[in-house]
Amino acid sequence: MTTLAKWSGGLADWVDGDTAYLSVAFTWRIPDAYMRALFHRALGRRVIAGGPALFVRKNDLEEVAEIGTDYPEAVVRHNPMATFASRGCPVGCWFCIVPKMEGREFTLLPDFVPRPILCDNNLSALPEDYQRFIIARYRAAGVPLLDANSGFEPATFSRGTYERWRAILRGPWRFAYDELRERDDVHRVMRILDEVVPKRKRVYVLIGNEPFDECMGRIRQVIKWGGEPHVQPYIKLNALAREPKVRFDWSAQLLRDVARWANGRFWRYCAFADYRAGARTSRAAIAQPELEFAL
């Protein structure tokens, strides 16, 4: 059985001859990248830096590194088992860097190397013939698809999408429920995936971008519909610290507590109102798990 390799944590660093390369995925890793650039320069190396984080904050490293625009298959420096078969996404979510950096039209990469982690941003919105092409490439290469990392878009996910990808997808079905207006599309996807076990229905739930009740309602709906939420507090695209942006009736602590309650699967044992961060869930709560979720 293939075991997935670990990700770099948002900062990849490698040396080729007298040149050091830095690929920075997350803006909060820029301070670490700055220090690594200084280290390589002290050793007399040329330093080239790139990645999504520098798309929005390139000035932060300009004094210690050359800012590059592209490095072939830089993703394998973050995880040697990862690949892309396309770039871009037509949806244009305001909180996502992909349409800003890669565009709202797909760039297809038919020469991609099949690897167990497929990182395409929106598989279900790709042209159907290209979806079939990707699947055929995986089959021909004999490579298992263990994780469609960024997953599918509820608005374009259909029974046909499911039937195509179920032939090769061995990992979870990933998609997002970012805003309450997506409710009907997400519910439809969950019905299509009805025969799939809950742990393989992994739904990214953004929180902090809407008031608490709306966000908690989306989490509860995912659970009620038979999925498992993976909660992600909203962080600004240019944040230098991995701290959520506090909006509406949220606090930073409340954002952290909801994420820990959901991602730690404490919802199996207790309602959020009974959850206490940093303390063990009480035996009484475990004995009486929350089974009903109000919409």
Protein backbone atom coordinates (compact mmCIF):
# COMPACT_ATOMS: atom_id res chain seq x y z
CA MET A 1 0.00 0.00 0.00
CA THR A 2 1.36 3.42 -0.97
CA THR A 3 1.98 5.86 1.89
CA LEU A 4 1.69 9.56 1.15
CA ALA A 5 4.79 11.67 1.69
CA LYS A 6 4.68 14.64 4.05
CA TRP A 7 4.27 18.18 2.76
CA SER A 8 6.99 20.76 3.28
CA GLY A 9 4.80 22.97 5.44
CA GLY A 10 4.60 25.77 2.90
CA LEU A 11 8.32 26.42 2.36
CA ALA A 12 10.59 24.37 0.10
CA ASP A 13 14.33 24.99 -0.06
CA TRP A 14 16.81 23.29 -2.39
CA VAL A 15 20.21 23.89 -3.98
CA ASP A 16 21.31 23.29 -7.56
CA GLY A 17 25.00 24.04 -8.08
CA ASP A 18 25.70 27.53 -6.76
CA THR A 19 22.02 28.57 -6.79
CA ALA A 20 19.54 28.16 -3.95
CA TYR A 21 15.82 28.06 -4.66
CA LEU A 22 13.00 28.95 -2.29
CA SER A 23 9.35 28.15 -3.04
CA VAL A 24 7.00 29.88 -0.61
CA ALA A 25 3.41 28.66 -0.62
CA PHE A 26 2.04 30.57 2.38
CA THR A 27 2.68 34.21 3.23
CA TRP A 28 3.25 33.39 6.91
CA ARG A 29 6.36 31.45 5.85
CA ILE A 30 7.95 34.56 4.30
CA PRO A 31 9.88 35.46 7.49
CA ASP A 32 11.37 31.94 7.48
CA ALA A 33 12.19 32.27 3.78
CA TYR A 34 13.94 35.57 4.48
CA MET A 35 16.22 33.92 7.04
CA ARG A 36 17.00 31.01 4.70
CA ALA A 37 17.84 33.45 1.92
CA LEU A 38 20.33 35.20 4.23
CA PHE A 39 21.87 31.81 5.08
CA HIS A 40 22.38 30.89 1.43
CA ARG A 41 23.77 34.33 0.56
CA ALA A 42 26.26 34.00 3.42
CA LEU A 43 27.50 30.82 1.71
CA GLY A 44 27.98 32.72 -1.54
CA ARG A 45 24.96 31.30 -3.33
CA ARG A 46 22.65 33.05 -5.72
CA VAL A 47 19.10 32.94 -4.32
CA ILE A 48 15.95 32.71 -6.44
CA ALA A 49 12.54 32.75 -4.72
CA GLY A 50 9.01 32.24 -5.98
CA GLY A 51 5.67 30.69 -5.13
CA PRO A 52 2.11 31.85 -4.39
CA ALA A 53 3.10 33.82 -1.28
CA LEU A 54 5.42 36.05 -3.30
CA PHE A 55 2.69 36.74 -5.81
CA VAL A 56 1.07 38.94 -3.17
CA ARG A 57 4.18 39.93 -1.14
CA LYS A 58 7.14 39.83 -3.54
CA ASN A 59 8.64 43.02 -2.10
CA ASP A 60 9.33 41.25 1.19
CA LEU A 61 12.19 39.20 -0.28
CA GLU A 62 13.45 41.48 -3.05
CA GLU A 63 16.45 42.67 -1.07
CA VAL A 64 17.74 39.15 -0.38
CA ALA A 65 16.59 37.13 -3.42
CA GLU A 66 15.75 37.32 -7.08
CA ILE A 67 12.01 36.85 -7.52
CA GLY A 68 11.38 34.13 -10.09
CA THR A 69 8.14 33.59 -11.95
CA ASP A 70 8.21 29.84 -12.53
CA TYR A 71 10.17 26.69 -11.77
CA PRO A 72 9.20 23.47 -13.54
CA GLU A 73 7.35 21.16 -11.17
CA ALA A 74 8.18 23.14 -8.06
CA VAL A 75 5.29 21.28 -6.39
CA VAL A 76 7.44 18.14 -6.07
CA ARG A 77 9.78 20.13 -3.83
CA HIS A 78 6.85 20.54 -1.46
CA ASN A 79 5.76 16.92 -1.83
CA PRO A 80 7.48 14.43 -4.17
CA MET A 81 4.17 12.61 -4.70
CA ALA A 82 2.27 15.69 -5.94
CA THR A 83 1.41 16.83 -9.45
CA PHE A 84 -0.78 19.22 -11.46
CA ALA A 85 -2.67 18.37 -14.65
CA SER A 86 -4.16 21.86 -14.97
CA ARG A 87 -3.89 25.36 -13.55
CA GLY A 88 -6.47 28.04 -12.91
CA CYS A 89 -10.10 28.03 -11.78
CA PRO A 90 -13.16 29.71 -13.34
CA VAL A 91 -15.05 30.28 -10.07
CA GLY A 92 -13.24 33.40 -8.85
CA CYS A 93 -13.78 33.16 -5.07
CA TRP A 94 -12.80 36.47 -3.44
CA PHE A 95 -10.78 34.76 -0.69
CA CYS A 96 -8.75 32.51 -3.05
CA ILE A 97 -5.42 33.34 -4.66
CA VAL A 98 -5.80 30.91 -7.58
CA PRO A 99 -7.88 33.07 -9.98
CA LYS A 100 -5.68 36.07 -9.24
CA MET A 101 -2.42 34.19 -9.82
CA GLU A 102 -3.35 31.52 -12.37
CA GLY A 103 -6.41 33.07 -14.04
CA ARG A 104 -10.08 32.20 -14.39
CA GLU A 105 -9.50 30.15 -17.51
CA PHE A 106 -7.90 26.73 -17.31
CA THR A 107 -4.40 26.10 -18.54
CA LEU A 108 -4.24 22.40 -19.39
CA LEU A 109 -0.99 20.50 -18.83
CA PRO A 110 -1.38 17.31 -20.89
CA ASP A 111 2.27 16.29 -20.37
CA PHE A 112 1.81 16.09 -16.59
CA VAL A 113 3.37 13.22 -14.67
CA PRO A 114 0.76 11.09 -12.86
CA ARG A 115 1.52 10.95 -9.14
CA PRO A 116 -0.60 9.88 -6.13
CA ILE A 117 -1.55 13.45 -5.13
CA LEU A 118 -3.38 15.49 -7.78
CA CYS A 119 -3.46 19.17 -6.82
CA ASP A 120 -5.66 20.65 -9.57
CA ASN A 121 -7.83 23.44 -8.23
CA ASN A 122 -11.18 22.42 -9.70
CA LEU A 123 -11.43 18.96 -11.27
CA SER A 124 -15.19 18.92 -11.87
CA ALA A 125 -15.14 22.19 -13.86
CA LEU A 126 -12.53 20.88 -16.31
CA PRO A 127 -13.83 19.88 -19.77
CA GLU A 128 -15.19 16.34 -19.60
CA ASP A 129 -12.84 15.09 -22.29
CA TYR A 130 -9.86 16.39 -20.33
CA GLN A 131 -11.13 14.76 -17.14
CA ARG A 132 -11.25 11.47 -19.05
CA PHE A 133 -7.74 12.16 -20.37
CA ILE A 134 -6.37 12.60 -16.83
CA ILE A 135 -8.07 9.41 -15.66
CA ALA A 136 -6.71 7.49 -18.66
CA ARG A 137 -3.18 8.75 -17.96
CA TYR A 138 -3.38 7.48 -14.38
CA ARG A 139 -4.66 4.11 -15.52
CA ALA A 140 -2.00 3.77 -18.22
CA ALA A 141 0.76 4.66 -15.74
CA GLY A 142 -0.58 2.28 -13.10
CA VAL A 143 -0.37 5.05 -10.51
CA PRO A 144 -3.00 5.08 -7.73
CA LEU A 145 -4.78 8.41 -7.16
CA LEU A 146 -4.72 8.58 -3.38
CA ASP A 147 -5.71 12.23 -2.95
CA ALA A 148 -7.41 14.77 -5.20
CA ASN A 149 -5.99 17.46 -2.96
CA SER A 150 -8.05 20.53 -3.86
CA GLY A 151 -10.94 18.49 -5.11
CA PHE A 152 -14.21 19.29 -6.82
CA GLU A 153 -16.58 22.25 -7.11
CA PRO A 154 -20.13 21.59 -5.83
CA ALA A 155 -21.76 23.72 -8.56
CA THR A 156 -20.25 21.58 -11.35
CA PHE A 157 -20.19 18.20 -9.61
CA SER A 158 -22.63 15.76 -11.18
CA ARG A 159 -23.44 12.07 -11.18
CA GLY A 160 -21.24 11.84 -14.26
CA THR A 161 -18.33 13.42 -12.36
CA TYR A 162 -18.71 10.82 -9.64
CA GLU A 163 -18.90 7.89 -12.05
CA ARG A 164 -15.79 9.07 -13.92
CA TRP A 165 -13.54 9.68 -10.94
CA ARG A 166 -14.66 6.83 -8.71
CA ALA A 167 -12.80 4.50 -11.08
CA ILE A 168 -9.42 5.78 -9.86
CA LEU A 169 -9.91 7.94 -6.74
CA ARG A 170 -8.86 6.01 -3.65
CA GLY A 171 -8.75 8.90 -1.20
CA PRO A 172 -11.45 11.24 0.13
CA TRP A 173 -13.88 13.18 -2.03
CA ARG A 174 -12.91 16.77 -1.29
CA PHE A 175 -14.97 19.85 -1.98
CA ALA A 176 -15.77 23.10 -0.21
CA TYR A 177 -18.77 24.68 1.50
CA ASP A 178 -17.50 28.24 1.82
CA GLU A 179 -20.70 30.26 1.90
CA LEU A 180 -24.32 29.64 2.85
CA ARG A 181 -25.46 30.37 -0.73
CA GLU A 182 -23.80 27.08 -1.77
CA ARG A 183 -26.17 25.05 0.40
CA ASP A 184 -28.24 23.47 -2.37
CA ASP A 185 -25.20 22.49 -4.46
CA VAL A 186 -23.42 20.95 -1.48
CA HIS A 187 -26.55 19.06 -0.45
CA ARG A 188 -26.89 17.70 -4.00
CA VAL A 189 -23.26 16.51 -3.97
CA MET A 190 -23.79 14.79 -0.64
CA ARG A 191 -26.78 12.93 -2.09
CA ILE A 192 -24.69 11.82 -5.07
CA LEU A 193 -22.05 10.55 -2.64
CA ASP A 194 -24.61 8.86 -0.42
CA GLU A 195 -23.01 5.41 -0.76
CA VAL A 196 -19.57 6.76 0.23
CA VAL A 197 -18.58 6.36 3.88
CA PRO A 198 -18.47 9.63 5.90
CA LYS A 199 -14.68 9.68 6.37
CA ARG A 200 -14.27 9.80 2.59
CA LYS A 201 -16.55 12.84 2.23
CA ARG A 202 -14.17 15.59 3.34
CA VAL A 203 -15.76 19.03 3.13
CA TYR A 204 -13.66 22.17 3.55
CA VAL A 205 -15.75 24.62 5.58
CA LEU A 206 -14.51 28.20 5.66
CA ILE A 207 -15.36 30.05 8.86
CA GLY A 208 -15.01 33.68 9.87
CA ASN A 209 -16.15 34.92 6.45
CA GLU A 210 -19.78 34.90 7.64
CA PRO A 211 -21.33 35.41 11.10
CA PHE A 212 -21.00 32.61 13.66
CA ASP A 213 -24.49 31.17 13.25
CA GLU A 214 -24.14 30.86 9.46
CA CYS A 215 -20.73 29.19 9.72
CA MET A 216 -21.78 26.81 12.48
CA GLY A 217 -24.90 26.00 10.47
CA ARG A 218 -22.74 24.95 7.51
CA ILE A 219 -20.61 22.71 9.74
CA ARG A 220 -23.70 21.04 11.20
CA GLN A 221 -25.23 20.54 7.77
CA VAL A 222 -22.12 18.73 6.54
CA ILE A 223 -22.31 16.38 9.54
CA LYS A 224 -26.06 15.85 9.21
CA TRP A 225 -25.70 15.04 5.51
CA GLY A 226 -23.15 12.33 6.28
CA GLY A 227 -19.81 14.05 5.71
CA GLU A 228 -16.85 15.15 7.79
CA PRO A 229 -16.04 18.88 7.94
CA HIS A 230 -12.51 20.20 7.72
CA VAL A 231 -12.80 23.70 9.12
CA GLN A 232 -10.51 26.50 7.93
CA PRO A 233 -10.64 29.95 9.57
CA TYR A 234 -10.43 32.78 7.05
CA ILE A 235 -6.90 34.22 6.82
CA LYS A 236 -6.10 37.24 4.64
CA LEU A 237 -4.12 36.41 1.50
CA ASN A 238 -1.22 38.67 2.55
CA ALA A 239 -1.05 37.73 6.26
CA LEU A 240 2.48 37.42 7.65
CA ALA A 241 1.26 35.47 10.67
CA ARG A 242 -0.93 32.39 10.60
CA GLU A 243 -3.66 34.19 12.44
CA PRO A 244 -7.31 34.32 11.35
CA LYS A 245 -8.93 37.58 10.36
CA VAL A 246 -11.55 38.50 12.97
CA ARG A 247 -14.83 39.70 11.48
CA PHE A 248 -18.53 39.85 12.36
CA ASP A 249 -19.30 38.35 15.81
CA TRP A 250 -16.19 36.17 15.93
CA SER A 251 -13.11 36.41 18.13
CA ALA A 252 -9.71 34.89 17.39
CA GLN A 253 -10.22 32.40 20.23
CA LEU A 254 -13.67 31.41 19.01
CA LEU A 255 -12.29 30.75 15.51
CA ARG A 256 -9.57 28.52 16.96
CA ASP A 257 -12.01 26.69 19.24
CA VAL A 258 -14.49 25.91 16.45
CA ALA A 259 -11.69 24.67 14.19
CA ARG A 260 -10.31 22.41 16.93
CA TRP A 261 -13.77 21.09 17.85
CA ALA A 262 -14.56 20.27 14.23
CA ASN A 263 -11.19 19.02 12.98
CA GLY A 264 -10.58 16.99 16.12
CA ARG A 265 -13.97 15.36 15.47
CA PHE A 266 -15.15 16.32 18.96
CA TRP A 267 -18.59 16.80 17.38
CA ARG A 268 -18.93 13.03 17.60
CA TYR A 269 -19.03 13.30 21.37
CA CYS A 270 -20.36 16.70 22.33
CA ALA A 271 -22.09 19.80 21.05
CA PHE A 272 -19.86 22.84 20.58
CA ALA A 273 -21.67 24.57 23.46
CA ASP A 274 -20.37 21.80 25.75
CA TYR A 275 -16.85 21.80 24.34
CA ARG A 276 -14.03 23.22 26.42
CA ALA A 277 -10.76 23.79 24.57
CA GLY A 278 -7.72 22.49 26.43
CA ALA A 279 -9.79 20.20 28.64
CA ARG A 280 -10.78 16.58 28.12
CA THR A 281 -14.30 16.00 26.92
CA SER A 282 -16.40 14.94 29.90
CA ARG A 283 -17.57 11.34 30.24
CA ALA A 284 -21.13 12.60 30.35
CA ALA A 285 -20.72 14.30 26.98
CA ILE A 286 -19.16 11.19 25.46
CA ALA A 287 -21.99 9.06 26.82
CA GLN A 288 -24.56 11.40 25.27
CA PRO A 289 -23.18 12.42 21.85
CA GLU A 290 -24.87 15.13 19.83
CA LEU A 291 -26.93 13.26 17.25
CA GLU A 292 -29.29 15.96 16.01
CA PHE A 293 -28.11 19.06 14.14
CA ALA A 294 -30.42 21.99 13.56
CA LEU A 295 -30.31 23.58 10.11
